[in-house]
Amino acid sequence: MGPLLMLGAGRMGGALISGWRRAALLSPGDLMIRDPHPGDEARAAIAQGALHDPDPAAMGRAGVVLLAVKPQLWREAAAEVSEALSADAVIVSIAAGVPAGDISTAFGGRAVARIMPTTAAAIGQGAASLYASDPRAAAVAQTLFAAVGVVVELADEDLMHAATAVSGSAPAYLYAFIEALEAAGAAAGLSPQAAQSLVRATITGAAALLAQGGDDPAALRRQVTSPGGTTQAALEVLMGEGGFGPLIDQAVAAAVARSRALGA
C-alpha cells in the first residue's frame, strides 16, 4: 500500500491514527501529515516518527492519500499536493458530500474511494460507508477501514448522503440524547453526578447487549417494556405523535440536504 499521506489531521484524522496504530496496521513511520494545526494524536505520531509537512519528493512516495480536511477546503488541499503525487496514488476521501468525480479531477484523474467513518474507529469499533467505482481504490479503503470497524459498501454514490446522515453524523445524535436524558434526570431530582453515572452506564450497557445479542432493537425494546408500566408510559411520549419517528426523519432529511449542499 505504501506510505499514507494525511491531508488534515484533526479529530477524525486523529481517531484514525489511533485506530490504525491500535490495529498495528500503520506505524508512525508509515505516515506523512500535512496540517498546520495537527491534533493530539497526530502530534504524538509526529513525535514518534511520522513526517510532518513532507516535501514534494516525500509526498511522491505516498501510496494512499487520505483527504481529511473540511469539505470547504478540499480543493485548496488538492491543488497544493496533486502535482507531487505518483500517478498510481489512491485518494481516499472522508470529505462529506464531495463527489468522487470532482475529487478525481482535482487530483489529476487518480483513483478515488469515498468513506464516511465514525470516531469510534479510534477504539476499533467504527462504522464506515464506502463508495468506489475503481476496484483498487475500493480494496485500499477496505483494508484501511475494516481494520478499525465495520465497512458497508454502497453500490450507488448518491447513497453516501443517506449514509452520512444515518451513520457519519449519528454519534452526535446519541450524545445529544444522553445530554438531554442526564438533564432530565437531574430535573427529576437526581444529583447531576448520579444522573450522569446512571445514564452513561445504561446506554453503554444497552448498546453492548445489542451488539452481542441476536435480537433486533424492536425485540429488545419489547423485552424491557412491561404493559402498563413506567417504560410504556415514557415510550408513549417518545414514540407518539411528534416523537422519535418524525423527529429522526426530519433530522436525517436535514443532514442529507446539507451533505448535498456541501458537494455542490
Protein backbone atom coordinates (compact mmCIF):
# COMPACT_ATOMS: atom_id res chain seq x y z
CA MET A 1 0.00 0.00 0.00
CA GLY A 2 2.92 2.34 0.62
CA PRO A 3 3.15 5.31 2.98
CA LEU A 4 -0.06 7.18 3.76
CA LEU A 5 -0.27 10.95 3.33
CA MET A 6 -2.91 12.60 5.52
CA LEU A 7 -4.28 15.92 4.33
CA GLY A 8 -5.82 17.16 7.56
CA ALA A 9 -5.25 15.55 10.95
CA GLY A 10 -7.93 16.92 13.25
CA ARG A 11 -10.49 14.99 15.29
CA MET A 12 -11.38 12.36 12.67
CA GLY A 13 -7.84 12.05 11.37
CA GLY A 14 -6.59 11.60 14.91
CA ALA A 15 -9.18 8.90 15.59
CA LEU A 16 -7.98 7.02 12.53
CA ILE A 17 -4.34 7.34 13.51
CA SER A 18 -5.18 5.94 16.93
CA GLY A 19 -7.23 3.09 15.47
CA TRP A 20 -4.65 2.12 12.86
CA ARG A 21 -1.88 2.09 15.43
CA ARG A 22 -4.06 0.05 17.80
CA ALA A 23 -4.66 -2.46 14.99
CA ALA A 24 -0.94 -2.49 14.09
CA LEU A 25 -1.89 -1.55 10.53
CA LEU A 26 0.27 1.57 10.31
CA SER A 27 3.23 2.75 12.37
CA PRO A 28 4.25 6.41 12.70
CA GLY A 29 6.96 5.79 10.11
CA ASP A 30 4.24 4.93 7.58
CA LEU A 31 2.55 8.33 7.99
CA MET A 32 3.04 11.73 6.41
CA ILE A 33 0.87 14.54 7.77
CA ARG A 34 0.01 17.89 6.22
CA ASP A 35 -1.87 20.07 8.69
CA PRO A 36 -0.84 23.46 10.12
CA HIS A 37 -2.55 22.61 13.41
CA PRO A 38 -2.47 18.83 13.89
CA GLY A 39 -4.48 17.30 16.73
CA ASP A 40 -3.14 15.44 19.74
CA GLU A 41 -2.91 12.00 18.11
CA ALA A 42 -1.20 13.46 15.05
CA ARG A 43 1.32 15.35 17.19
CA ALA A 44 2.06 12.17 19.12
CA ALA A 45 2.64 10.30 15.86
CA ILE A 46 4.92 13.09 14.61
CA ALA A 47 6.93 12.90 17.83
CA GLN A 48 7.36 9.17 17.19
CA GLY A 49 8.48 9.42 13.58
CA ALA A 50 5.62 10.50 11.32
CA LEU A 51 6.73 13.09 8.79
CA HIS A 52 5.10 16.49 9.24
CA ASP A 53 4.68 18.78 6.22
CA PRO A 54 6.55 16.49 3.80
CA ASP A 55 8.28 17.99 0.79
CA PRO A 56 7.23 17.09 -2.79
CA ALA A 57 9.77 14.27 -3.05
CA ALA A 58 8.42 12.64 0.10
CA MET A 59 4.80 13.08 -0.99
CA GLY A 60 5.68 11.34 -4.24
CA ARG A 61 6.26 8.14 -2.25
CA ALA A 62 2.72 8.08 -0.86
CA GLY A 63 0.67 5.11 -1.99
CA VAL A 64 -2.51 6.45 -0.37
CA VAL A 65 -3.69 10.00 0.25
CA LEU A 66 -6.35 10.49 2.93
CA LEU A 67 -8.34 13.64 2.19
CA ALA A 68 -9.49 14.60 5.68
CA VAL A 69 -9.79 18.38 5.53
CA LYS A 70 -13.10 20.19 5.96
CA PRO A 71 -15.25 19.96 2.80
CA GLN A 72 -14.87 23.69 2.17
CA LEU A 73 -11.06 23.34 1.98
CA TRP A 74 -10.64 20.22 -0.12
CA ARG A 75 -9.94 21.92 -3.47
CA GLU A 76 -7.16 24.01 -1.96
CA ALA A 77 -5.65 20.91 -0.33
CA ALA A 78 -5.76 19.00 -3.62
CA ALA A 79 -4.16 21.85 -5.57
CA GLU A 80 -1.28 22.04 -3.11
CA VAL A 81 -0.21 18.40 -3.45
CA SER A 82 -1.57 16.92 -6.68
CA GLU A 83 1.48 17.54 -8.86
CA ALA A 84 3.80 15.93 -6.32
CA LEU A 85 1.90 12.63 -6.10
CA SER A 86 2.70 9.48 -8.01
CA ALA A 87 0.32 8.60 -10.82
CA ASP A 88 -0.89 5.44 -9.05
CA ALA A 89 -1.58 7.02 -5.65
CA VAL A 90 -5.09 6.25 -4.41
CA ILE A 91 -7.16 9.07 -2.96
CA VAL A 92 -9.39 8.12 -0.02
CA SER A 93 -11.76 10.94 0.88
CA ILE A 94 -13.73 11.45 4.07
CA ALA A 95 -14.96 14.89 2.92
CA ALA A 96 -18.74 14.87 3.37
CA GLY A 97 -20.80 15.47 0.26
CA VAL A 98 -17.94 15.89 -2.23
CA PRO A 99 -18.42 13.65 -5.31
CA ALA A 100 -15.73 11.16 -6.26
CA GLY A 101 -15.60 12.51 -9.83
CA ASP A 102 -14.79 16.01 -8.64
CA ILE A 103 -12.10 14.68 -6.34
CA SER A 104 -10.55 12.57 -9.09
CA THR A 105 -10.45 15.55 -11.45
CA ALA A 106 -8.80 17.77 -8.84
CA PHE A 107 -6.20 15.05 -8.20
CA GLY A 108 -5.30 14.60 -11.87
CA GLY A 109 -7.58 11.65 -12.62
CA ARG A 110 -6.32 9.41 -9.82
CA ALA A 111 -8.47 6.60 -8.41
CA VAL A 112 -10.79 7.68 -5.59
CA ALA A 113 -12.67 5.95 -2.78
CA ARG A 114 -15.15 7.85 -0.64
CA ILE A 115 -15.55 6.87 3.01
CA MET A 116 -17.77 8.22 5.77
CA PRO A 117 -16.31 6.91 9.06
CA THR A 118 -17.09 7.48 12.74
CA THR A 119 -14.70 8.48 15.52
CA ALA A 120 -15.16 5.12 17.28
CA ALA A 121 -12.54 3.96 14.78
CA ALA A 122 -10.11 5.14 17.47
CA ILE A 123 -11.01 2.07 19.56
CA GLY A 124 -11.58 -0.33 16.67
CA GLN A 125 -15.37 -0.01 16.79
CA GLY A 126 -16.01 2.41 13.95
CA ALA A 127 -18.61 2.24 11.22
CA ALA A 128 -17.78 3.32 7.68
CA SER A 129 -19.78 3.59 4.48
CA LEU A 130 -17.71 3.13 1.33
CA TYR A 131 -18.23 4.01 -2.31
CA ALA A 132 -15.64 3.47 -5.04
CA SER A 133 -16.11 2.72 -8.72
CA ASP A 134 -12.45 1.69 -9.03
CA PRO A 135 -11.79 -1.82 -7.60
CA ARG A 136 -8.26 -0.99 -6.50
CA ALA A 137 -9.43 2.10 -4.62
CA ALA A 138 -12.21 0.07 -3.01
CA ALA A 139 -9.72 -2.58 -1.88
CA VAL A 140 -7.38 0.01 -0.37
CA ALA A 141 -10.23 1.65 1.53
CA GLN A 142 -11.47 -1.73 2.76
CA THR A 143 -8.01 -2.56 4.10
CA LEU A 144 -7.74 0.74 5.95
CA PHE A 145 -11.21 0.87 7.46
CA ALA A 146 -12.00 -2.80 8.10
CA ALA A 147 -9.05 -2.70 10.48
CA VAL A 148 -10.90 -0.19 12.68
CA GLY A 149 -14.54 -1.27 12.44
CA VAL A 150 -17.39 -2.31 10.17
CA VAL A 151 -17.38 -1.28 6.50
CA VAL A 152 -20.55 -1.19 4.38
CA GLU A 153 -20.03 -0.83 0.62
CA LEU A 154 -22.60 1.18 -1.30
CA ALA A 155 -23.43 0.43 -4.93
CA ASP A 156 -24.61 3.98 -5.70
CA GLU A 157 -22.61 7.06 -4.78
CA ASP A 158 -25.80 9.04 -4.20
CA LEU A 159 -26.44 6.83 -1.15
CA MET A 160 -23.43 8.42 0.57
CA HIS A 161 -25.68 11.33 1.54
CA ALA A 162 -28.02 8.99 3.41
CA ALA A 163 -25.12 7.04 4.92
CA THR A 164 -23.63 10.29 6.19
CA ALA A 165 -26.94 11.22 7.81
CA VAL A 166 -27.63 7.86 9.49
CA SER A 167 -24.06 6.86 10.39
CA GLY A 168 -21.44 9.57 9.99
CA SER A 169 -23.49 12.14 11.90
CA ALA A 170 -25.31 9.71 14.19
CA PRO A 171 -22.83 9.63 17.11
CA ALA A 172 -23.75 13.26 17.72
CA TYR A 173 -27.44 12.32 17.83
CA LEU A 174 -26.70 9.77 20.55
CA TYR A 175 -24.57 12.19 22.54
CA ALA A 176 -27.35 14.80 22.31
CA PHE A 177 -29.84 12.22 23.64
CA ILE A 178 -27.52 11.39 26.52
CA GLU A 179 -27.14 15.08 27.36
CA ALA A 180 -30.93 15.50 27.40
CA LEU A 181 -31.51 12.38 29.50
CA GLU A 182 -28.90 13.41 32.06
CA ALA A 183 -30.53 16.85 32.31
CA ALA A 184 -33.98 15.27 32.69
CA GLY A 185 -32.67 13.01 35.45
CA ALA A 186 -31.31 15.99 37.34
CA ALA A 187 -34.59 17.85 36.82
CA ALA A 188 -36.43 14.84 38.31
CA GLY A 189 -34.37 15.12 41.50
CA LEU A 190 -31.19 13.08 40.93
CA SER A 191 -27.86 14.73 41.58
CA PRO A 192 -26.06 15.61 38.34
CA GLN A 193 -23.37 13.06 39.19
CA ALA A 194 -25.90 10.29 39.83
CA ALA A 195 -27.80 11.11 36.63
CA GLN A 196 -24.56 11.07 34.66
CA SER A 197 -23.38 7.75 36.05
CA LEU A 198 -26.73 6.03 35.61
CA VAL A 199 -27.39 7.32 32.10
CA ARG A 200 -23.95 6.56 30.69
CA ALA A 201 -23.74 3.08 32.19
CA THR A 202 -27.26 2.29 30.99
CA ILE A 203 -26.64 3.49 27.44
CA THR A 204 -23.31 1.71 27.02
CA GLY A 205 -24.73 -1.46 28.54
CA ALA A 206 -27.75 -1.43 26.26
CA ALA A 207 -25.51 -0.86 23.24
CA ALA A 208 -23.26 -3.74 24.26
CA LEU A 209 -26.27 -6.01 24.64
CA LEU A 210 -27.48 -5.05 21.18
CA ALA A 211 -24.02 -5.68 19.71
CA GLN A 212 -23.60 -9.09 21.33
CA GLY A 213 -27.10 -10.48 21.01
CA GLY A 214 -29.11 -11.77 18.08
CA ASP A 215 -32.26 -9.74 18.74
CA ASP A 216 -33.18 -6.63 16.81
CA PRO A 217 -33.85 -3.32 18.62
CA ALA A 218 -37.64 -3.71 18.48
CA ALA A 219 -37.43 -7.10 20.22
CA LEU A 220 -35.11 -5.73 22.89
CA ARG A 221 -37.44 -2.78 23.44
CA ARG A 222 -40.41 -5.08 23.92
CA GLN A 223 -38.44 -7.21 26.40
CA VAL A 224 -37.99 -4.27 28.76
CA THR A 225 -41.45 -2.73 28.30
CA SER A 226 -43.98 -4.14 30.75
CA PRO A 227 -47.62 -3.46 29.79
CA GLY A 228 -48.91 -0.56 31.84
CA GLY A 229 -45.50 0.05 33.42
CA THR A 230 -43.16 3.02 33.68
CA THR A 231 -41.31 2.25 30.45
CA GLN A 232 -44.52 2.08 28.48
CA ALA A 233 -45.60 5.43 29.90
CA ALA A 234 -42.35 7.00 28.71
CA LEU A 235 -42.45 5.31 25.30
CA GLU A 236 -45.95 6.60 24.66
CA VAL A 237 -44.37 10.06 24.72
CA LEU A 238 -41.17 9.21 22.85
CA MET A 239 -42.87 7.12 20.16
CA GLY A 240 -46.09 9.11 19.95
CA GLU A 241 -47.07 11.89 17.58
CA GLY A 242 -44.15 14.27 17.19
CA GLY A 243 -41.82 11.80 18.93
CA PHE A 244 -38.76 9.85 17.78
CA GLY A 245 -40.11 8.71 14.40
CA PRO A 246 -40.96 12.13 12.91
CA LEU A 247 -38.02 13.85 14.60
CA ILE A 248 -35.45 11.37 13.29
CA ASP A 249 -36.97 11.55 9.80
CA GLN A 250 -36.59 15.32 9.89
CA ALA A 251 -33.07 15.15 11.28
CA VAL A 252 -31.88 12.69 8.64
CA ALA A 253 -33.52 14.73 5.88
CA ALA A 254 -31.74 17.87 7.12
CA ALA A 255 -28.38 16.09 7.20
CA VAL A 256 -28.93 14.67 3.69
CA ALA A 257 -29.78 18.15 2.38
CA ARG A 258 -26.65 19.61 3.96
CA SER A 259 -24.50 16.83 2.54
CA ARG A 260 -25.82 17.57 -0.93
CA ALA A 261 -25.18 21.29 -0.46
CA LEU A 262 -21.56 20.69 0.63
CA GLY A 263 -20.91 18.84 -2.63
CA ALA A 264 -22.49 21.48 -4.86
